[in-house]
N, C-alpha and C. Protein backbone atom coordinates (compact mmCIF):
# COMPACT_ATOMS: atom_id res chain seq x y z
N MET A 1 123.47 173.04 71.18
CA MET A 1 122.56 173.94 70.51
C MET A 1 122.23 175.09 71.44
N SER A 2 122.00 176.23 70.87
CA SER A 2 121.68 177.40 71.67
C SER A 2 120.26 177.31 72.21
N GLN A 3 119.94 178.18 73.19
CA GLN A 3 118.60 178.21 73.74
C GLN A 3 117.58 178.49 72.63
N ALA A 4 117.93 179.37 71.70
CA ALA A 4 117.01 179.69 70.61
C ALA A 4 116.71 178.46 69.78
N ALA A 5 117.69 177.60 69.59
CA ALA A 5 117.49 176.39 68.80
C ALA A 5 116.50 175.46 69.49
N HIS A 6 116.53 175.39 70.81
CA HIS A 6 115.61 174.52 71.53
C HIS A 6 114.18 175.03 71.48
N ALA A 7 113.99 176.29 71.20
CA ALA A 7 112.66 176.87 71.17
C ALA A 7 111.99 176.73 69.81
N GLN A 8 112.63 176.06 68.87
CA GLN A 8 112.07 175.92 67.53
C GLN A 8 110.79 175.10 67.56
N THR A 9 109.96 175.33 66.55
CA THR A 9 108.72 174.57 66.43
C THR A 9 108.99 173.29 65.67
N PRO A 10 108.13 172.28 65.86
CA PRO A 10 108.33 171.01 65.14
C PRO A 10 108.38 171.21 63.63
N THR A 11 109.15 170.36 62.96
CA THR A 11 109.28 170.41 61.51
C THR A 11 107.95 170.01 60.87
N PRO A 12 107.36 170.90 60.07
CA PRO A 12 106.12 170.52 59.40
C PRO A 12 106.43 169.51 58.30
N ASP A 13 105.66 168.46 58.22
CA ASP A 13 105.80 167.42 57.20
C ASP A 13 107.25 166.98 57.01
N PRO A 14 107.84 166.36 58.03
CA PRO A 14 109.25 165.95 57.93
C PRO A 14 109.51 164.94 56.81
N GLY A 15 108.48 164.25 56.33
CA GLY A 15 108.66 163.27 55.26
C GLY A 15 108.80 163.89 53.89
N ALA A 16 108.53 165.19 53.77
CA ALA A 16 108.67 165.87 52.47
C ALA A 16 110.14 166.09 52.16
N TRP A 17 110.51 165.89 50.91
CA TRP A 17 111.90 166.14 50.49
C TRP A 17 112.14 167.64 50.51
N ARG A 18 113.25 168.04 51.16
CA ARG A 18 113.64 169.45 51.23
C ARG A 18 115.12 169.57 50.88
N PRO A 19 115.50 170.70 50.28
CA PRO A 19 116.93 170.90 50.01
C PRO A 19 117.70 171.02 51.32
N VAL A 20 118.92 170.50 51.34
CA VAL A 20 119.77 170.69 52.52
C VAL A 20 120.23 172.14 52.53
N SER A 21 120.66 172.59 53.70
CA SER A 21 121.18 173.95 53.86
C SER A 21 122.69 173.89 54.01
N TYR A 22 123.35 174.97 53.66
CA TYR A 22 124.81 175.02 53.73
C TYR A 22 125.26 176.09 54.71
N ALA A 23 126.40 175.84 55.36
CA ALA A 23 126.98 176.80 56.29
C ALA A 23 128.48 176.91 56.03
N ASP A 24 128.96 178.14 55.88
CA ASP A 24 130.39 178.40 55.75
C ASP A 24 130.95 178.47 57.17
N LEU A 25 131.83 177.55 57.53
CA LEU A 25 132.38 177.49 58.88
C LEU A 25 133.77 178.10 58.97
N GLN A 26 134.19 178.82 57.94
CA GLN A 26 135.52 179.41 57.94
C GLN A 26 135.64 180.52 58.99
N THR A 27 134.57 181.26 59.21
CA THR A 27 134.55 182.32 60.21
C THR A 27 133.46 181.98 61.23
N ALA A 28 133.79 182.07 62.51
CA ALA A 28 132.82 181.77 63.56
C ALA A 28 131.67 182.76 63.52
N ALA A 29 130.45 182.24 63.68
CA ALA A 29 129.26 183.07 63.71
C ALA A 29 128.20 182.38 64.56
N PRO A 30 127.38 183.14 65.27
CA PRO A 30 126.33 182.52 66.09
C PRO A 30 125.41 181.61 65.28
N SER A 31 125.12 181.98 64.04
CA SER A 31 124.19 181.20 63.22
C SER A 31 124.76 179.84 62.80
N THR A 32 126.07 179.67 62.88
CA THR A 32 126.68 178.39 62.47
C THR A 32 127.35 177.66 63.64
N ALA A 33 127.18 178.18 64.85
CA ALA A 33 127.87 177.60 66.01
C ALA A 33 127.52 176.13 66.25
N THR A 34 126.27 175.75 66.05
CA THR A 34 125.87 174.35 66.25
C THR A 34 126.66 173.43 65.33
N TYR A 35 126.78 173.80 64.07
CA TYR A 35 127.46 172.95 63.08
C TYR A 35 128.96 172.93 63.34
N ALA A 36 129.53 174.06 63.72
CA ALA A 36 130.96 174.11 64.05
C ALA A 36 131.24 173.22 65.27
N ASP A 37 130.32 173.19 66.22
CA ASP A 37 130.50 172.35 67.41
C ASP A 37 130.46 170.87 67.06
N ILE A 38 129.58 170.49 66.15
CA ILE A 38 129.50 169.08 65.72
C ILE A 38 130.83 168.63 65.11
N TRP A 39 131.51 169.54 64.42
CA TRP A 39 132.72 169.21 63.67
C TRP A 39 134.00 169.81 64.27
N LYS A 40 133.99 170.24 65.50
CA LYS A 40 135.13 170.94 66.10
C LYS A 40 136.45 170.20 65.87
N ASP A 41 136.48 168.90 66.12
CA ASP A 41 137.72 168.12 65.96
C ASP A 41 138.19 168.08 64.51
N ALA A 42 137.27 167.89 63.58
CA ALA A 42 137.64 167.81 62.16
C ALA A 42 138.08 169.18 61.62
N ILE A 43 137.46 170.24 62.10
CA ILE A 43 137.85 171.59 61.68
C ILE A 43 139.27 171.88 62.17
N GLU A 44 139.56 171.53 63.41
CA GLU A 44 140.91 171.73 63.95
C GLU A 44 141.94 170.90 63.19
N GLU A 45 141.58 169.67 62.83
CA GLU A 45 142.49 168.81 62.05
C GLU A 45 142.74 169.42 60.67
N ASN A 46 141.70 169.97 60.05
CA ASN A 46 141.84 170.63 58.75
C ASN A 46 142.76 171.85 58.87
N ASN A 47 142.59 172.64 59.94
CA ASN A 47 143.45 173.81 60.16
C ASN A 47 144.91 173.37 60.30
N ARG A 48 145.15 172.31 61.07
CA ARG A 48 146.53 171.81 61.25
C ARG A 48 147.12 171.34 59.92
N ALA A 49 146.32 170.72 59.08
CA ALA A 49 146.82 170.24 57.77
C ALA A 49 147.28 171.41 56.91
N TYR A 50 146.56 172.51 56.93
CA TYR A 50 146.97 173.70 56.18
C TYR A 50 148.27 174.27 56.75
N LEU A 51 148.37 174.35 58.09
CA LEU A 51 149.58 174.88 58.72
C LEU A 51 150.78 173.99 58.45
N THR A 52 150.59 172.68 58.47
CA THR A 52 151.68 171.74 58.19
C THR A 52 152.25 171.96 56.79
N ARG A 53 151.38 172.34 55.85
CA ARG A 53 151.83 172.62 54.48
C ARG A 53 152.42 174.01 54.36
N GLY A 54 152.44 174.76 55.47
CA GLY A 54 153.01 176.10 55.45
C GLY A 54 152.02 177.18 55.05
N ASP A 55 150.76 176.84 54.93
CA ASP A 55 149.73 177.79 54.53
C ASP A 55 149.19 178.49 55.77
N LYS A 56 149.58 179.77 55.94
CA LYS A 56 149.19 180.53 57.13
C LYS A 56 148.16 181.62 56.81
N ARG A 57 147.51 181.53 55.65
CA ARG A 57 146.53 182.55 55.24
C ARG A 57 145.32 182.60 56.17
N PHE A 58 145.07 181.52 56.89
CA PHE A 58 143.83 181.43 57.66
C PHE A 58 144.07 181.53 59.16
N ALA A 59 145.09 182.28 59.56
CA ALA A 59 145.45 182.41 60.97
C ALA A 59 144.34 183.08 61.79
N SER A 60 143.52 183.91 61.17
CA SER A 60 142.48 184.61 61.92
C SER A 60 141.13 183.89 61.87
N GLY A 61 141.08 182.72 61.27
CA GLY A 61 139.84 181.95 61.20
C GLY A 61 140.18 180.52 60.86
N ASN A 62 139.25 179.80 60.32
CA ASN A 62 139.48 178.42 59.91
C ASN A 62 139.92 178.35 58.46
N ALA A 63 140.65 177.31 58.14
CA ALA A 63 140.96 177.01 56.74
C ALA A 63 139.62 176.73 56.04
N PRO A 64 139.59 176.71 54.71
CA PRO A 64 138.32 176.51 54.00
C PRO A 64 137.57 175.27 54.51
N VAL A 65 136.32 175.50 54.91
CA VAL A 65 135.48 174.43 55.44
C VAL A 65 134.01 174.84 55.27
N THR A 66 133.25 173.96 54.65
CA THR A 66 131.82 174.19 54.43
C THR A 66 131.07 172.96 54.92
N GLU A 67 129.85 173.18 55.36
CA GLU A 67 129.05 172.11 55.93
C GLU A 67 127.67 172.16 55.30
N ALA A 68 127.06 170.98 55.10
CA ALA A 68 125.67 170.87 54.63
C ALA A 68 124.88 170.17 55.73
N HIS A 69 123.64 170.63 55.96
CA HIS A 69 122.86 170.03 57.05
C HIS A 69 121.38 169.95 56.73
N PHE A 70 120.75 169.02 57.45
CA PHE A 70 119.32 168.80 57.41
C PHE A 70 118.89 168.65 58.86
N VAL A 71 117.94 169.46 59.31
CA VAL A 71 117.54 169.47 60.72
C VAL A 71 116.09 169.05 60.85
N ILE A 72 115.83 168.20 61.83
CA ILE A 72 114.47 167.76 62.15
C ILE A 72 114.18 168.22 63.58
N TRP A 73 113.09 168.94 63.76
CA TRP A 73 112.69 169.42 65.09
C TRP A 73 111.46 168.64 65.53
N SER A 74 111.44 168.21 66.78
CA SER A 74 110.24 167.63 67.38
C SER A 74 110.05 168.32 68.73
N PRO A 75 108.92 168.09 69.39
CA PRO A 75 108.73 168.74 70.70
C PRO A 75 109.77 168.34 71.74
N THR A 76 110.37 167.16 71.62
CA THR A 76 111.30 166.69 72.64
C THR A 76 112.73 166.49 72.16
N LYS A 77 112.93 166.45 70.86
CA LYS A 77 114.25 166.10 70.34
C LYS A 77 114.51 166.85 69.03
N SER A 78 115.78 167.11 68.77
CA SER A 78 116.20 167.67 67.49
C SER A 78 117.32 166.79 66.94
N VAL A 79 117.32 166.60 65.65
CA VAL A 79 118.34 165.79 64.99
C VAL A 79 118.95 166.60 63.86
N VAL A 80 120.28 166.58 63.78
CA VAL A 80 120.99 167.27 62.71
C VAL A 80 121.81 166.25 61.94
N LEU A 81 121.54 166.12 60.65
CA LEU A 81 122.39 165.35 59.74
C LEU A 81 123.35 166.37 59.16
N SER A 82 124.66 166.15 59.32
CA SER A 82 125.65 167.13 58.90
C SER A 82 126.76 166.46 58.09
N ILE A 83 127.14 167.11 56.99
CA ILE A 83 128.21 166.61 56.11
C ILE A 83 129.24 167.72 56.00
N LEU A 84 130.53 167.37 56.19
CA LEU A 84 131.59 168.37 56.24
C LEU A 84 132.50 168.27 55.02
N ASP A 85 132.68 169.41 54.34
CA ASP A 85 133.54 169.49 53.15
C ASP A 85 134.84 170.21 53.52
N THR A 86 135.93 169.45 53.55
CA THR A 86 137.27 170.01 53.75
C THR A 86 138.19 169.41 52.69
N ALA A 87 139.32 170.05 52.48
CA ALA A 87 140.29 169.55 51.49
C ALA A 87 140.82 168.18 51.88
N ILE A 88 140.97 167.92 53.18
CA ILE A 88 141.58 166.65 53.60
C ILE A 88 140.56 165.55 53.86
N GLY A 89 139.26 165.90 53.96
CA GLY A 89 138.27 164.90 54.35
C GLY A 89 137.45 164.32 53.23
N CYS A 90 137.55 164.86 52.02
CA CYS A 90 136.65 164.47 50.94
C CYS A 90 137.40 163.94 49.72
N THR A 91 136.68 163.15 48.94
CA THR A 91 137.19 162.67 47.65
C THR A 91 136.14 162.97 46.57
N VAL A 92 136.59 163.23 45.37
CA VAL A 92 135.67 163.52 44.26
C VAL A 92 134.96 162.23 43.87
N HIS A 93 133.64 162.31 43.75
CA HIS A 93 132.80 161.18 43.39
C HIS A 93 132.25 161.31 41.97
N TYR A 94 131.92 162.55 41.55
CA TYR A 94 131.28 162.77 40.26
C TYR A 94 131.50 164.22 39.83
N LEU A 95 131.69 164.44 38.55
CA LEU A 95 131.84 165.79 37.98
C LEU A 95 130.83 165.98 36.85
N ASP A 96 130.26 167.17 36.77
CA ASP A 96 129.44 167.55 35.62
C ASP A 96 129.86 168.96 35.25
N ARG A 97 130.79 169.06 34.32
CA ARG A 97 131.33 170.36 33.93
C ARG A 97 130.29 171.24 33.24
N SER A 98 129.27 170.62 32.64
CA SER A 98 128.27 171.42 31.92
C SER A 98 127.51 172.36 32.85
N VAL A 99 127.37 172.00 34.13
CA VAL A 99 126.69 172.88 35.09
C VAL A 99 127.64 173.35 36.19
N GLY A 100 128.91 172.95 36.12
CA GLY A 100 129.89 173.37 37.11
C GLY A 100 129.70 172.71 38.47
N ALA A 101 129.32 171.42 38.46
CA ALA A 101 129.05 170.70 39.71
C ALA A 101 130.13 169.67 40.00
N ILE A 102 130.53 169.64 41.27
CA ILE A 102 131.43 168.60 41.77
C ILE A 102 130.71 167.93 42.92
N VAL A 103 130.60 166.62 42.86
CA VAL A 103 130.01 165.85 43.96
C VAL A 103 131.17 165.15 44.65
N LYS A 104 131.27 165.37 45.96
CA LYS A 104 132.33 164.76 46.75
C LYS A 104 131.72 163.81 47.77
N LYS A 105 132.50 162.81 48.17
CA LYS A 105 132.14 161.97 49.31
C LYS A 105 132.88 162.54 50.50
N CYS A 106 132.12 162.96 51.51
CA CYS A 106 132.68 163.65 52.67
C CYS A 106 132.15 163.02 53.96
N PRO A 107 132.83 163.28 55.07
CA PRO A 107 132.38 162.72 56.36
C PRO A 107 130.99 163.22 56.74
N MET A 108 130.22 162.33 57.37
CA MET A 108 128.86 162.64 57.80
C MET A 108 128.72 162.31 59.29
N ARG A 109 127.95 163.13 59.99
CA ARG A 109 127.63 162.87 61.40
C ARG A 109 126.15 163.16 61.65
N LEU A 110 125.60 162.44 62.61
CA LEU A 110 124.26 162.69 63.12
C LEU A 110 124.40 163.19 64.54
N ALA A 111 123.80 164.31 64.85
CA ALA A 111 123.80 164.82 66.22
C ALA A 111 122.35 164.83 66.70
N GLN A 112 122.12 164.20 67.84
CA GLN A 112 120.79 164.14 68.43
C GLN A 112 120.79 164.94 69.72
N TYR A 113 119.89 165.92 69.81
CA TYR A 113 119.79 166.80 70.97
C TYR A 113 118.48 166.49 71.69
N GLU A 114 118.59 166.18 72.97
CA GLU A 114 117.40 165.93 73.79
C GLU A 114 117.62 166.63 75.12
N GLY A 115 116.89 167.72 75.35
CA GLY A 115 117.15 168.53 76.53
C GLY A 115 118.56 169.08 76.46
N MET A 116 119.34 168.88 77.51
CA MET A 116 120.73 169.35 77.53
C MET A 116 121.70 168.28 77.02
N ALA A 117 121.21 167.08 76.77
CA ALA A 117 122.06 165.98 76.31
C ALA A 117 122.22 166.01 74.80
N VAL A 118 123.42 165.71 74.35
CA VAL A 118 123.69 165.60 72.92
C VAL A 118 124.45 164.31 72.67
N ARG A 119 124.06 163.61 71.62
CA ARG A 119 124.73 162.38 71.22
C ARG A 119 125.12 162.54 69.76
N THR A 120 126.40 162.39 69.46
CA THR A 120 126.88 162.54 68.09
C THR A 120 127.40 161.20 67.60
N LEU A 121 126.93 160.80 66.44
CA LEU A 121 127.34 159.53 65.84
C LEU A 121 128.05 159.80 64.52
N GLY A 122 129.18 159.13 64.30
CA GLY A 122 129.84 159.19 63.00
C GLY A 122 129.00 158.41 62.02
N GLY A 123 128.89 158.89 60.82
CA GLY A 123 128.00 158.24 59.87
C GLY A 123 128.66 157.81 58.59
N GLY A 124 129.97 157.64 58.58
CA GLY A 124 130.63 157.26 57.33
C GLY A 124 130.74 158.45 56.40
N LYS A 125 130.53 158.21 55.11
CA LYS A 125 130.66 159.26 54.09
C LYS A 125 129.31 159.46 53.40
N ALA A 126 129.08 160.68 52.96
CA ALA A 126 127.87 161.02 52.22
C ALA A 126 128.25 162.00 51.11
N CYS A 127 127.34 162.19 50.18
CA CYS A 127 127.60 163.08 49.06
C CYS A 127 127.41 164.54 49.46
N PHE A 128 128.32 165.37 48.98
CA PHE A 128 128.31 166.81 49.21
C PHE A 128 128.38 167.47 47.84
N LEU A 129 127.45 168.39 47.57
CA LEU A 129 127.39 169.05 46.27
C LEU A 129 128.07 170.40 46.34
N GLU A 130 129.06 170.59 45.47
CA GLU A 130 129.76 171.87 45.33
C GLU A 130 129.45 172.41 43.95
N ILE A 131 129.01 173.65 43.89
CA ILE A 131 128.72 174.32 42.62
C ILE A 131 129.74 175.43 42.46
N GLN A 132 130.34 175.53 41.27
CA GLN A 132 131.35 176.57 41.07
C GLN A 132 130.76 177.94 41.36
N SER A 133 131.60 178.82 41.85
CA SER A 133 131.17 180.16 42.20
C SER A 133 131.89 181.18 41.32
N PRO A 134 131.21 182.07 40.67
CA PRO A 134 129.75 182.13 40.58
C PRO A 134 129.23 181.00 39.69
N PRO A 135 127.95 180.61 39.88
CA PRO A 135 127.39 179.53 39.05
C PRO A 135 127.42 179.90 37.57
N LYS A 136 127.48 178.89 36.73
CA LYS A 136 127.46 179.12 35.28
C LYS A 136 126.16 179.80 34.89
N ALA A 137 126.21 180.55 33.81
CA ALA A 137 125.02 181.24 33.30
C ALA A 137 123.92 180.22 33.06
N GLY A 138 122.72 180.53 33.50
CA GLY A 138 121.59 179.64 33.30
C GLY A 138 121.53 178.47 34.27
N PHE A 139 122.39 178.47 35.30
CA PHE A 139 122.39 177.38 36.27
C PHE A 139 121.02 177.24 36.93
N ASP A 140 120.50 176.03 36.99
CA ASP A 140 119.19 175.74 37.54
C ASP A 140 119.35 175.16 38.95
N MET A 141 119.04 175.97 39.98
CA MET A 141 119.22 175.55 41.37
C MET A 141 118.37 174.32 41.70
N ILE A 142 117.21 174.18 41.10
CA ILE A 142 116.34 173.04 41.38
C ILE A 142 116.87 171.79 40.69
N GLY A 143 117.54 171.95 39.56
CA GLY A 143 118.03 170.81 38.79
C GLY A 143 119.31 170.21 39.31
N SER A 144 119.99 170.89 40.22
CA SER A 144 121.21 170.38 40.84
C SER A 144 121.15 170.73 42.32
N ALA A 145 120.84 169.73 43.13
CA ALA A 145 120.67 169.99 44.56
C ALA A 145 120.75 168.70 45.37
N SER A 146 121.04 168.87 46.66
CA SER A 146 121.00 167.78 47.62
C SER A 146 119.68 167.90 48.38
N TYR A 147 119.01 166.77 48.58
CA TYR A 147 117.73 166.76 49.27
C TYR A 147 117.77 165.76 50.42
N ALA A 148 116.90 165.98 51.40
CA ALA A 148 116.76 165.04 52.51
C ALA A 148 115.31 165.06 53.00
N SER A 149 114.94 163.96 53.66
CA SER A 149 113.62 163.87 54.29
C SER A 149 113.75 162.93 55.49
N TYR A 150 112.72 162.91 56.32
CA TYR A 150 112.73 162.06 57.50
C TYR A 150 111.50 161.17 57.49
N ASP A 151 111.72 159.86 57.55
CA ASP A 151 110.64 158.89 57.60
C ASP A 151 110.32 158.62 59.07
N ILE A 152 109.21 159.16 59.55
CA ILE A 152 108.84 159.04 60.96
C ILE A 152 108.65 157.58 61.36
N ARG A 153 108.01 156.79 60.51
CA ARG A 153 107.71 155.39 60.84
C ARG A 153 108.97 154.58 61.10
N THR A 154 109.98 154.72 60.23
CA THR A 154 111.21 153.93 60.37
C THR A 154 112.31 154.67 61.10
N LYS A 155 112.05 155.94 61.47
CA LYS A 155 113.05 156.79 62.13
C LYS A 155 114.36 156.81 61.33
N THR A 156 114.20 157.14 60.06
CA THR A 156 115.31 157.11 59.11
C THR A 156 115.37 158.43 58.34
N VAL A 157 116.58 158.99 58.22
CA VAL A 157 116.80 160.15 57.36
C VAL A 157 117.16 159.61 55.98
N ARG A 158 116.47 160.12 54.97
CA ARG A 158 116.76 159.71 53.59
C ARG A 158 117.44 160.86 52.87
N THR A 159 118.44 160.54 52.07
CA THR A 159 119.15 161.57 51.31
C THR A 159 119.13 161.22 49.82
N GLY A 160 119.26 162.25 49.01
CA GLY A 160 119.35 162.06 47.57
C GLY A 160 119.98 163.29 46.95
N MET A 161 120.46 163.13 45.73
CA MET A 161 121.09 164.25 45.04
C MET A 161 120.82 164.14 43.55
N ILE A 162 120.55 165.30 42.95
CA ILE A 162 120.44 165.37 41.50
C ILE A 162 121.42 166.42 41.00
N VAL A 163 122.00 166.15 39.86
CA VAL A 163 122.86 167.11 39.17
C VAL A 163 122.38 167.14 37.73
N ASN A 164 122.09 168.34 37.27
CA ASN A 164 121.59 168.53 35.92
C ASN A 164 120.33 167.68 35.68
N HIS A 165 119.45 167.64 36.67
CA HIS A 165 118.16 166.94 36.64
C HIS A 165 118.28 165.42 36.63
N LYS A 166 119.43 164.85 36.97
CA LYS A 166 119.60 163.40 37.00
C LYS A 166 120.11 162.98 38.37
N ALA A 167 119.56 161.87 38.88
CA ALA A 167 120.02 161.34 40.16
C ALA A 167 121.49 160.94 40.05
N VAL A 168 122.26 161.22 41.08
CA VAL A 168 123.68 160.86 41.10
C VAL A 168 123.81 159.49 41.76
N ASP A 169 124.37 158.53 41.01
CA ASP A 169 124.58 157.19 41.56
C ASP A 169 125.42 157.25 42.82
N GLY A 170 125.02 156.47 43.82
CA GLY A 170 125.78 156.39 45.06
C GLY A 170 125.49 157.51 46.04
N CYS A 171 124.49 158.36 45.74
CA CYS A 171 124.19 159.49 46.63
C CYS A 171 122.83 159.38 47.30
N SER A 172 122.14 158.29 47.10
CA SER A 172 120.87 158.06 47.80
C SER A 172 121.15 157.14 48.96
N SER A 173 120.63 157.50 50.13
CA SER A 173 120.87 156.64 51.30
C SER A 173 119.73 156.77 52.29
N SER A 174 119.64 155.79 53.16
CA SER A 174 118.71 155.79 54.29
C SER A 174 119.56 155.60 55.53
N ILE A 175 119.49 156.57 56.44
CA ILE A 175 120.35 156.56 57.62
C ILE A 175 119.47 156.42 58.86
N PRO A 176 119.54 155.28 59.53
CA PRO A 176 118.71 155.10 60.73
C PRO A 176 119.22 155.95 61.88
N LEU A 177 118.30 156.56 62.61
CA LEU A 177 118.68 157.36 63.77
C LEU A 177 119.14 156.48 64.93
N TYR A 178 118.68 155.25 64.93
CA TYR A 178 119.03 154.33 66.01
C TYR A 178 119.65 153.09 65.40
N PRO A 179 120.94 153.15 65.01
CA PRO A 179 121.58 152.00 64.38
C PRO A 179 121.58 150.79 65.32
N GLN A 180 121.46 149.64 64.72
CA GLN A 180 121.45 148.38 65.50
C GLN A 180 122.81 148.03 66.00
């Protein structure tokens, strides 16, 4: 994480459900460097997969790659829950054509930053929400979204997803920061 990231203030009310944020990692940018660093190996593998198929359109950047994240700041530690969407890393879990939503199961990682030390844990697969671009007319951003919160007592990140105002089966989880 950059020096600016370490200077962040603690997350107000970490237990409140908040929408996850998305980062396009196809082009390097200072604002997405932390997330690109978490996934450097997977991004390089995705780039190689495109080249192996003969697709050289992305020689000046990365092949298509998007990331979703939820960040928790404390005075001594920062935690990033990150989910990576690539063509080779994800599988379709659910479709809702009425709102143009695709839910994929994609790789997930937890990165814990404490001072200069960083610990990254693989977290299996998690749900990633893709909305067609441009969104369908009348698309309701609140009715189709990925959410996360942090339970301070159990030190667990909770995730959930709704599409068209309905919870998506298999997309709610509790991820302990300190697995046994």
